[in-house]
Amino acid sequence: MKHATQEVWTAAEYQNYVKTKQKPTKGNKYGAVRAEYNGRNFDSTGERDYAIYLDALKKAGEIKRIQYQHKLRLETNGHFIADYYIDFKVVTADGKIELHEFKGMETSLWQQKWAILKTQLNEIEPNATLKLVKKIGGEFQTVETFTHPAD
C-alpha cells in the first residue's frame, strides 16, 4: 500500500502559491545550481566553470577537442548495466584521450558506476586516462587519475 507524502512549504512559499497558484519548485538536494555557458546547460556552476577552464586550455593550444557528456556503455559479460555520461572527453594537443569527471558531491551510485568504469576503461575507451576533478579552495584539482594498466 502506498502512503501519501505531505509537502512542507515555508510561509513565503504558501503566500506565493495563493497569489500565483503555482507550486514552489524544489532545488537540487545537494545544493547544485544548474548553469548555462556558450549555449550549453550544465548540472552545476562548478561543472560550467570547469568547461570555461577547459575552453581556455583549448584556446591556448593545450587541447585539440572537447566533447561534452560523452556516453560510455557499461556492461558485464555482454549484459548492459548502465550508461555513464562522462562530463568531458578531452583530446590533448599530443592526441591523448582524457575522460574528465567534475564532482562536487559523490553519491554511492556514482561511486559504484565509477568503480565499474575503471574496470572496463580499456575496453570502452582504449588507452584513455580517467580524471576526477574537484574545486578545492577555489581552484580545480585532479584528485584521482586512473589509467588502465597494460595487459
N, C-alpha and C. Protein backbone atom coordinates (compact mmCIF):
# COMPACT_ATOMS: atom_id res chain seq x y z
N MET A 1 0.84 -1.18 0.00
CA MET A 1 0.00 0.00 0.00
C MET A 1 0.89 1.24 0.00
N LYS A 2 0.56 2.18 -0.83
CA LYS A 2 1.34 3.39 -0.96
C LYS A 2 0.75 4.48 -0.06
N HIS A 3 1.62 5.13 0.70
CA HIS A 3 1.17 6.20 1.57
C HIS A 3 1.44 7.55 0.91
N ALA A 4 0.53 8.45 1.11
CA ALA A 4 0.72 9.80 0.56
C ALA A 4 1.76 10.54 1.38
N THR A 5 2.54 11.34 0.70
CA THR A 5 3.51 12.17 1.41
C THR A 5 3.01 13.61 1.40
N GLN A 6 3.34 14.32 2.43
CA GLN A 6 2.87 15.69 2.56
C GLN A 6 4.03 16.64 2.27
N GLU A 7 3.76 17.61 1.41
CA GLU A 7 4.77 18.62 1.11
C GLU A 7 4.80 19.62 2.25
N VAL A 8 5.97 20.13 2.54
CA VAL A 8 6.12 21.15 3.56
C VAL A 8 6.60 22.42 2.88
N TRP A 9 5.82 23.50 3.04
CA TRP A 9 6.14 24.79 2.44
C TRP A 9 6.45 25.80 3.52
N THR A 10 7.28 26.74 3.20
CA THR A 10 7.50 27.88 4.10
C THR A 10 6.31 28.82 3.96
N ALA A 11 6.19 29.76 4.87
CA ALA A 11 5.11 30.74 4.79
C ALA A 11 5.19 31.53 3.49
N ALA A 12 6.40 31.90 3.08
CA ALA A 12 6.58 32.67 1.85
C ALA A 12 6.17 31.84 0.63
N GLU A 13 6.49 30.53 0.63
CA GLU A 13 6.10 29.67 -0.48
C GLU A 13 4.57 29.57 -0.56
N TYR A 14 3.92 29.45 0.60
CA TYR A 14 2.46 29.36 0.61
C TYR A 14 1.82 30.66 0.13
N GLN A 15 2.34 31.78 0.60
CA GLN A 15 1.79 33.08 0.17
C GLN A 15 1.95 33.25 -1.33
N ASN A 16 3.08 32.84 -1.87
CA ASN A 16 3.30 32.92 -3.31
C ASN A 16 2.33 32.01 -4.05
N TYR A 17 2.06 30.82 -3.49
CA TYR A 17 1.11 29.89 -4.11
C TYR A 17 -0.29 30.49 -4.15
N VAL A 18 -0.71 31.13 -3.06
CA VAL A 18 -2.02 31.75 -3.01
C VAL A 18 -2.16 32.81 -4.10
N LYS A 19 -1.08 33.57 -4.32
CA LYS A 19 -1.11 34.63 -5.34
C LYS A 19 -1.05 34.08 -6.76
N THR A 20 -0.19 33.09 -7.00
CA THR A 20 0.08 32.65 -8.37
C THR A 20 -0.54 31.31 -8.74
N LYS A 21 -0.95 30.53 -7.77
CA LYS A 21 -1.47 29.17 -7.97
C LYS A 21 -0.41 28.23 -8.57
N GLN A 22 0.87 28.58 -8.36
CA GLN A 22 1.96 27.73 -8.82
C GLN A 22 2.70 27.16 -7.62
N LYS A 23 2.88 25.83 -7.64
CA LYS A 23 3.60 25.19 -6.54
C LYS A 23 5.06 25.62 -6.57
N PRO A 24 5.68 25.72 -5.40
CA PRO A 24 7.11 26.07 -5.38
C PRO A 24 7.95 24.95 -5.97
N THR A 25 9.02 25.34 -6.64
CA THR A 25 9.93 24.34 -7.19
C THR A 25 11.03 24.10 -6.17
N LYS A 26 11.40 22.87 -6.05
CA LYS A 26 12.46 22.49 -5.12
C LYS A 26 13.78 22.43 -5.87
N GLY A 27 14.83 22.88 -5.24
CA GLY A 27 16.15 22.86 -5.85
C GLY A 27 16.79 21.48 -5.74
N ASN A 28 18.00 21.36 -6.22
CA ASN A 28 18.77 20.13 -6.14
C ASN A 28 19.05 19.80 -4.68
N LYS A 29 18.88 18.53 -4.32
CA LYS A 29 19.05 18.17 -2.91
C LYS A 29 20.49 18.30 -2.41
N TYR A 30 21.45 18.40 -3.32
CA TYR A 30 22.84 18.59 -2.92
C TYR A 30 23.28 20.05 -3.05
N GLY A 31 22.35 20.93 -3.41
CA GLY A 31 22.66 22.35 -3.50
C GLY A 31 23.22 22.80 -4.83
N ALA A 32 23.31 21.89 -5.80
CA ALA A 32 23.84 22.27 -7.12
C ALA A 32 22.85 23.18 -7.83
N VAL A 33 23.39 24.17 -8.51
CA VAL A 33 22.57 25.10 -9.27
C VAL A 33 22.92 24.92 -10.74
N ARG A 34 21.91 24.61 -11.55
CA ARG A 34 22.14 24.45 -12.99
C ARG A 34 22.65 25.77 -13.55
N ALA A 35 23.51 25.66 -14.57
CA ALA A 35 24.11 26.86 -15.15
C ALA A 35 24.27 26.68 -16.65
N GLU A 36 24.35 27.80 -17.37
CA GLU A 36 24.48 27.79 -18.81
C GLU A 36 25.76 28.51 -19.21
N TYR A 37 26.41 27.99 -20.25
CA TYR A 37 27.60 28.63 -20.79
C TYR A 37 27.70 28.27 -22.27
N ASN A 38 27.86 29.27 -23.09
CA ASN A 38 28.09 29.06 -24.52
C ASN A 38 26.98 28.21 -25.17
N GLY A 39 25.75 28.41 -24.71
CA GLY A 39 24.62 27.68 -25.26
C GLY A 39 24.42 26.28 -24.71
N ARG A 40 25.22 25.87 -23.75
CA ARG A 40 25.11 24.54 -23.14
C ARG A 40 24.63 24.66 -21.70
N ASN A 41 23.84 23.67 -21.28
CA ASN A 41 23.39 23.62 -19.90
C ASN A 41 24.27 22.65 -19.13
N PHE A 42 24.63 23.03 -17.93
CA PHE A 42 25.47 22.21 -17.06
C PHE A 42 24.72 21.93 -15.76
N ASP A 43 25.03 20.78 -15.14
CA ASP A 43 24.34 20.38 -13.91
C ASP A 43 24.69 21.24 -12.72
N SER A 44 25.81 21.95 -12.79
CA SER A 44 26.22 22.78 -11.66
C SER A 44 27.09 23.94 -12.16
N THR A 45 27.23 24.94 -11.31
CA THR A 45 28.10 26.07 -11.66
C THR A 45 29.55 25.61 -11.68
N GLY A 46 29.89 24.64 -10.84
CA GLY A 46 31.26 24.11 -10.83
C GLY A 46 31.60 23.43 -12.14
N GLU A 47 30.67 22.64 -12.66
CA GLU A 47 30.90 21.96 -13.94
C GLU A 47 30.99 23.00 -15.07
N ARG A 48 30.15 24.02 -15.02
CA ARG A 48 30.22 25.09 -16.02
C ARG A 48 31.56 25.80 -15.96
N ASP A 49 32.01 26.11 -14.74
CA ASP A 49 33.29 26.80 -14.58
C ASP A 49 34.45 25.94 -15.09
N TYR A 50 34.34 24.62 -14.92
CA TYR A 50 35.39 23.74 -15.43
C TYR A 50 35.37 23.73 -16.96
N ALA A 51 34.19 23.81 -17.56
CA ALA A 51 34.09 23.91 -19.02
C ALA A 51 34.77 25.18 -19.51
N ILE A 52 34.59 26.27 -18.79
CA ILE A 52 35.24 27.54 -19.15
C ILE A 52 36.76 27.39 -19.06
N TYR A 53 37.22 26.70 -18.01
CA TYR A 53 38.65 26.45 -17.82
C TYR A 53 39.21 25.62 -18.99
N LEU A 54 38.48 24.55 -19.37
CA LEU A 54 38.93 23.71 -20.50
C LEU A 54 38.94 24.50 -21.80
N ASP A 55 37.95 25.37 -21.99
CA ASP A 55 37.94 26.22 -23.19
C ASP A 55 39.17 27.11 -23.25
N ALA A 56 39.58 27.61 -22.10
CA ALA A 56 40.79 28.45 -22.06
C ALA A 56 42.02 27.64 -22.46
N LEU A 57 42.09 26.38 -21.99
CA LEU A 57 43.20 25.50 -22.38
C LEU A 57 43.16 25.19 -23.87
N LYS A 58 41.97 25.08 -24.42
CA LYS A 58 41.83 24.85 -25.86
C LYS A 58 42.32 26.06 -26.64
N LYS A 59 41.95 27.24 -26.21
CA LYS A 59 42.40 28.47 -26.88
C LYS A 59 43.90 28.64 -26.79
N ALA A 60 44.50 28.12 -25.70
CA ALA A 60 45.94 28.20 -25.51
C ALA A 60 46.68 27.12 -26.31
N GLY A 61 45.93 26.20 -26.94
CA GLY A 61 46.55 25.17 -27.77
C GLY A 61 46.90 23.90 -27.03
N GLU A 62 46.53 23.77 -25.75
CA GLU A 62 46.86 22.57 -24.98
C GLU A 62 45.86 21.44 -25.23
N ILE A 63 44.68 21.80 -25.73
CA ILE A 63 43.63 20.83 -26.01
C ILE A 63 43.19 21.00 -27.46
N LYS A 64 43.01 19.86 -28.15
CA LYS A 64 42.52 19.89 -29.54
C LYS A 64 40.99 19.93 -29.58
N ARG A 65 40.37 19.07 -28.75
CA ARG A 65 38.92 18.91 -28.83
C ARG A 65 38.33 18.59 -27.46
N ILE A 66 37.12 19.10 -27.23
CA ILE A 66 36.36 18.80 -26.02
C ILE A 66 34.99 18.29 -26.44
N GLN A 67 34.61 17.16 -25.90
CA GLN A 67 33.27 16.63 -26.14
C GLN A 67 32.55 16.61 -24.80
N TYR A 68 31.34 17.15 -24.76
CA TYR A 68 30.58 17.25 -23.52
C TYR A 68 29.64 16.06 -23.37
N GLN A 69 29.48 15.57 -22.14
CA GLN A 69 28.55 14.49 -21.82
C GLN A 69 28.72 13.30 -22.78
N HIS A 70 29.94 12.79 -22.82
CA HIS A 70 30.27 11.66 -23.68
C HIS A 70 29.71 10.37 -23.07
N LYS A 71 28.93 9.64 -23.86
CA LYS A 71 28.26 8.43 -23.38
C LYS A 71 29.19 7.23 -23.42
N LEU A 72 29.29 6.54 -22.27
CA LEU A 72 30.06 5.32 -22.15
C LEU A 72 29.11 4.20 -21.70
N ARG A 73 29.14 3.09 -22.40
CA ARG A 73 28.24 1.98 -22.08
C ARG A 73 28.94 1.01 -21.14
N LEU A 74 28.35 0.77 -19.98
CA LEU A 74 28.89 -0.17 -19.01
C LEU A 74 28.14 -1.50 -19.15
N GLU A 75 28.89 -2.58 -19.31
CA GLU A 75 28.27 -3.89 -19.40
C GLU A 75 29.22 -4.94 -18.84
N THR A 76 28.63 -6.07 -18.45
CA THR A 76 29.41 -7.18 -17.93
C THR A 76 28.93 -8.46 -18.60
N ASN A 77 29.86 -9.23 -19.10
CA ASN A 77 29.55 -10.50 -19.78
C ASN A 77 28.49 -10.29 -20.86
N GLY A 78 28.57 -9.18 -21.58
CA GLY A 78 27.62 -8.90 -22.65
C GLY A 78 26.27 -8.38 -22.20
N HIS A 79 26.11 -8.16 -20.88
CA HIS A 79 24.84 -7.66 -20.35
C HIS A 79 24.98 -6.19 -19.97
N PHE A 80 24.05 -5.40 -20.46
CA PHE A 80 24.02 -3.96 -20.19
C PHE A 80 23.81 -3.70 -18.70
N ILE A 81 24.63 -2.82 -18.13
CA ILE A 81 24.47 -2.40 -16.74
C ILE A 81 23.87 -1.00 -16.69
N ALA A 82 24.56 -0.05 -17.34
CA ALA A 82 24.10 1.34 -17.33
C ALA A 82 24.91 2.14 -18.33
N ASP A 83 24.38 3.29 -18.69
CA ASP A 83 25.15 4.25 -19.47
C ASP A 83 25.76 5.23 -18.48
N TYR A 84 27.01 5.58 -18.71
CA TYR A 84 27.71 6.56 -17.88
C TYR A 84 28.05 7.73 -18.79
N TYR A 85 27.60 8.90 -18.41
CA TYR A 85 27.90 10.10 -19.19
C TYR A 85 29.03 10.85 -18.50
N ILE A 86 30.22 10.71 -19.06
CA ILE A 86 31.38 11.41 -18.51
C ILE A 86 31.23 12.88 -18.89
N ASP A 87 31.58 13.77 -17.97
CA ASP A 87 31.35 15.20 -18.20
C ASP A 87 32.09 15.72 -19.43
N PHE A 88 33.37 15.34 -19.58
CA PHE A 88 34.17 15.87 -20.68
C PHE A 88 35.12 14.81 -21.23
N LYS A 89 35.05 14.61 -22.54
CA LYS A 89 36.07 13.80 -23.21
C LYS A 89 37.00 14.81 -23.87
N VAL A 90 38.28 14.74 -23.51
CA VAL A 90 39.26 15.73 -23.96
C VAL A 90 40.32 15.03 -24.80
N VAL A 91 40.63 15.62 -25.95
CA VAL A 91 41.76 15.17 -26.75
C VAL A 91 42.82 16.24 -26.62
N THR A 92 43.96 15.86 -26.04
CA THR A 92 45.03 16.83 -25.78
C THR A 92 45.76 17.17 -27.08
N ALA A 93 46.60 18.17 -27.02
CA ALA A 93 47.35 18.63 -28.20
C ALA A 93 48.21 17.51 -28.79
N ASP A 94 48.69 16.60 -27.93
CA ASP A 94 49.52 15.50 -28.43
C ASP A 94 48.69 14.24 -28.75
N GLY A 95 47.34 14.37 -28.79
CA GLY A 95 46.48 13.28 -29.23
C GLY A 95 46.03 12.31 -28.16
N LYS A 96 46.39 12.52 -26.91
CA LYS A 96 45.97 11.63 -25.84
C LYS A 96 44.51 11.88 -25.48
N ILE A 97 43.82 10.80 -25.09
CA ILE A 97 42.41 10.91 -24.70
C ILE A 97 42.31 10.90 -23.18
N GLU A 98 41.62 11.91 -22.65
CA GLU A 98 41.36 12.02 -21.23
C GLU A 98 39.86 12.15 -21.00
N LEU A 99 39.35 11.42 -20.02
CA LEU A 99 37.94 11.49 -19.65
C LEU A 99 37.87 12.19 -18.30
N HIS A 100 37.31 13.40 -18.29
CA HIS A 100 37.28 14.23 -17.08
C HIS A 100 35.89 14.19 -16.46
N GLU A 101 35.83 13.90 -15.18
CA GLU A 101 34.57 13.93 -14.42
C GLU A 101 34.71 15.00 -13.35
N PHE A 102 33.86 16.02 -13.42
CA PHE A 102 33.85 17.05 -12.37
C PHE A 102 32.84 16.62 -11.32
N LYS A 103 33.24 16.61 -10.06
CA LYS A 103 32.35 16.18 -8.99
C LYS A 103 32.37 17.17 -7.85
N GLY A 104 31.19 17.50 -7.39
CA GLY A 104 31.04 18.26 -6.16
C GLY A 104 30.70 17.30 -5.04
N MET A 105 29.64 16.52 -5.24
CA MET A 105 29.15 15.57 -4.24
C MET A 105 29.21 14.16 -4.82
N GLU A 106 29.85 13.26 -4.11
CA GLU A 106 29.95 11.88 -4.55
C GLU A 106 28.83 11.06 -3.92
N THR A 107 27.93 10.53 -4.73
CA THR A 107 26.87 9.66 -4.22
C THR A 107 27.34 8.22 -4.29
N SER A 108 26.67 7.34 -3.57
CA SER A 108 27.07 5.93 -3.60
C SER A 108 26.83 5.32 -4.99
N LEU A 109 25.76 5.73 -5.67
CA LEU A 109 25.51 5.23 -7.02
C LEU A 109 26.63 5.67 -7.96
N TRP A 110 27.05 6.93 -7.85
CA TRP A 110 28.15 7.40 -8.69
C TRP A 110 29.42 6.60 -8.38
N GLN A 111 29.71 6.37 -7.12
CA GLN A 111 30.92 5.62 -6.74
C GLN A 111 30.91 4.22 -7.34
N GLN A 112 29.74 3.58 -7.37
CA GLN A 112 29.63 2.24 -7.96
C GLN A 112 29.90 2.29 -9.46
N LYS A 113 29.28 3.24 -10.16
CA LYS A 113 29.50 3.35 -11.60
C LYS A 113 30.95 3.70 -11.91
N TRP A 114 31.55 4.56 -11.11
CA TRP A 114 32.95 4.95 -11.29
C TRP A 114 33.86 3.73 -11.16
N ALA A 115 33.58 2.89 -10.16
CA ALA A 115 34.38 1.68 -9.95
C ALA A 115 34.24 0.72 -11.14
N ILE A 116 33.03 0.56 -11.65
CA ILE A 116 32.81 -0.29 -12.83
C ILE A 116 33.54 0.28 -14.04
N LEU A 117 33.44 1.60 -14.21
CA LEU A 117 34.10 2.25 -15.35
C LEU A 117 35.60 1.99 -15.32
N LYS A 118 36.21 2.06 -14.15
CA LYS A 118 37.65 1.82 -14.06
C LYS A 118 38.02 0.41 -14.47
N THR A 119 37.17 -0.58 -14.14
CA THR A 119 37.49 -1.96 -14.51
C THR A 119 37.33 -2.19 -16.01
N GLN A 120 36.50 -1.38 -16.68
CA GLN A 120 36.21 -1.59 -18.09
C GLN A 120 36.83 -0.52 -19.00
N LEU A 121 37.61 0.36 -18.43
CA LEU A 121 38.12 1.51 -19.18
C LEU A 121 38.81 1.11 -20.47
N ASN A 122 39.69 0.14 -20.43
CA ASN A 122 40.48 -0.22 -21.61
C ASN A 122 39.61 -0.79 -22.74
N GLU A 123 38.51 -1.46 -22.38
CA GLU A 123 37.60 -1.99 -23.40
C GLU A 123 36.71 -0.88 -23.97
N ILE A 124 36.28 0.06 -23.11
CA ILE A 124 35.37 1.12 -23.53
C ILE A 124 36.10 2.21 -24.30
N GLU A 125 37.23 2.64 -23.77
CA GLU A 125 37.99 3.75 -24.37
C GLU A 125 39.47 3.42 -24.24
N PRO A 126 39.99 2.58 -25.16
CA PRO A 126 41.38 2.11 -25.05
C PRO A 126 42.39 3.26 -24.92
N ASN A 127 43.34 3.06 -24.04
CA ASN A 127 44.46 3.99 -23.79
C ASN A 127 44.04 5.35 -23.22
N ALA A 128 42.80 5.46 -22.75
CA ALA A 128 42.35 6.73 -22.17
C ALA A 128 42.75 6.81 -20.71
N THR A 129 42.78 8.05 -20.21
CA THR A 129 43.05 8.31 -18.80
C THR A 129 41.80 8.93 -18.19
N LEU A 130 41.39 8.40 -17.03
CA LEU A 130 40.27 8.96 -16.29
C LEU A 130 40.79 9.98 -15.30
N LYS A 131 40.10 11.12 -15.19
CA LYS A 131 40.49 12.14 -14.22
C LYS A 131 39.25 12.59 -13.45
N LEU A 132 39.35 12.53 -12.13
CA LEU A 132 38.31 13.05 -11.26
C LEU A 132 38.76 14.42 -10.78
N VAL A 133 37.95 15.43 -11.09
CA VAL A 133 38.31 16.82 -10.80
C VAL A 133 37.33 17.40 -9.80
N LYS A 134 37.87 18.15 -8.84
CA LYS A 134 37.05 18.86 -7.85
C LYS A 134 37.56 20.29 -7.75
N LYS A 135 36.69 21.15 -7.24
CA LYS A 135 37.10 22.52 -6.99
C LYS A 135 37.39 22.62 -5.50
N ILE A 136 38.66 22.86 -5.19
CA ILE A 136 39.10 22.91 -3.79
C ILE A 136 39.81 24.24 -3.57
N GLY A 137 39.33 24.99 -2.61
CA GLY A 137 39.95 26.29 -2.34
C GLY A 137 39.88 27.23 -3.53
N GLY A 138 38.81 27.10 -4.33
CA GLY A 138 38.64 27.98 -5.47
C GLY A 138 39.42 27.58 -6.71
N GLU A 139 40.15 26.46 -6.64
CA GLU A 139 40.94 26.02 -7.80
C GLU A 139 40.56 24.59 -8.19
N PHE A 140 40.67 24.29 -9.47
CA PHE A 140 40.40 22.94 -9.95
C PHE A 140 41.59 22.06 -9.65
N GLN A 141 41.32 20.92 -9.04
CA GLN A 141 42.37 19.97 -8.72
C GLN A 141 41.96 18.58 -9.16
N THR A 142 42.88 17.88 -9.80
CA THR A 142 42.65 16.49 -10.15
C THR A 142 42.93 15.68 -8.89
N VAL A 143 41.89 15.06 -8.34
CA VAL A 143 42.04 14.32 -7.09
C VAL A 143 42.25 12.83 -7.32
N GLU A 144 42.00 12.37 -8.55
CA GLU A 144 42.26 10.97 -8.90
C GLU A 144 42.56 10.89 -10.38
N THR A 145 43.57 10.13 -10.71
CA THR A 145 43.91 9.85 -12.10
C THR A 145 44.02 8.34 -12.23
N PHE A 146 43.37 7.79 -13.24
CA PHE A 146 43.41 6.34 -13.44
C PHE A 146 43.67 6.03 -14.91
N THR A 147 44.68 5.22 -15.13
CA THR A 147 44.98 4.70 -16.45
C THR A 147 44.99 3.20 -16.33
N HIS A 148 44.28 2.52 -17.21
CA HIS A 148 44.22 1.06 -17.15
C HIS A 148 45.61 0.49 -17.32
N PRO A 149 46.03 -0.39 -16.41
CA PRO A 149 47.37 -0.98 -16.54
C PRO A 149 47.49 -1.80 -17.83
N ALA A 150 48.67 -1.80 -18.40
CA ALA A 150 48.92 -2.57 -19.63
C ALA A 150 48.74 -4.05 -19.33
N ASP A 151 48.12 -4.74 -20.27
CA ASP A 151 47.87 -6.19 -20.07
C ASP A 151 49.12 -7.01 -20.28
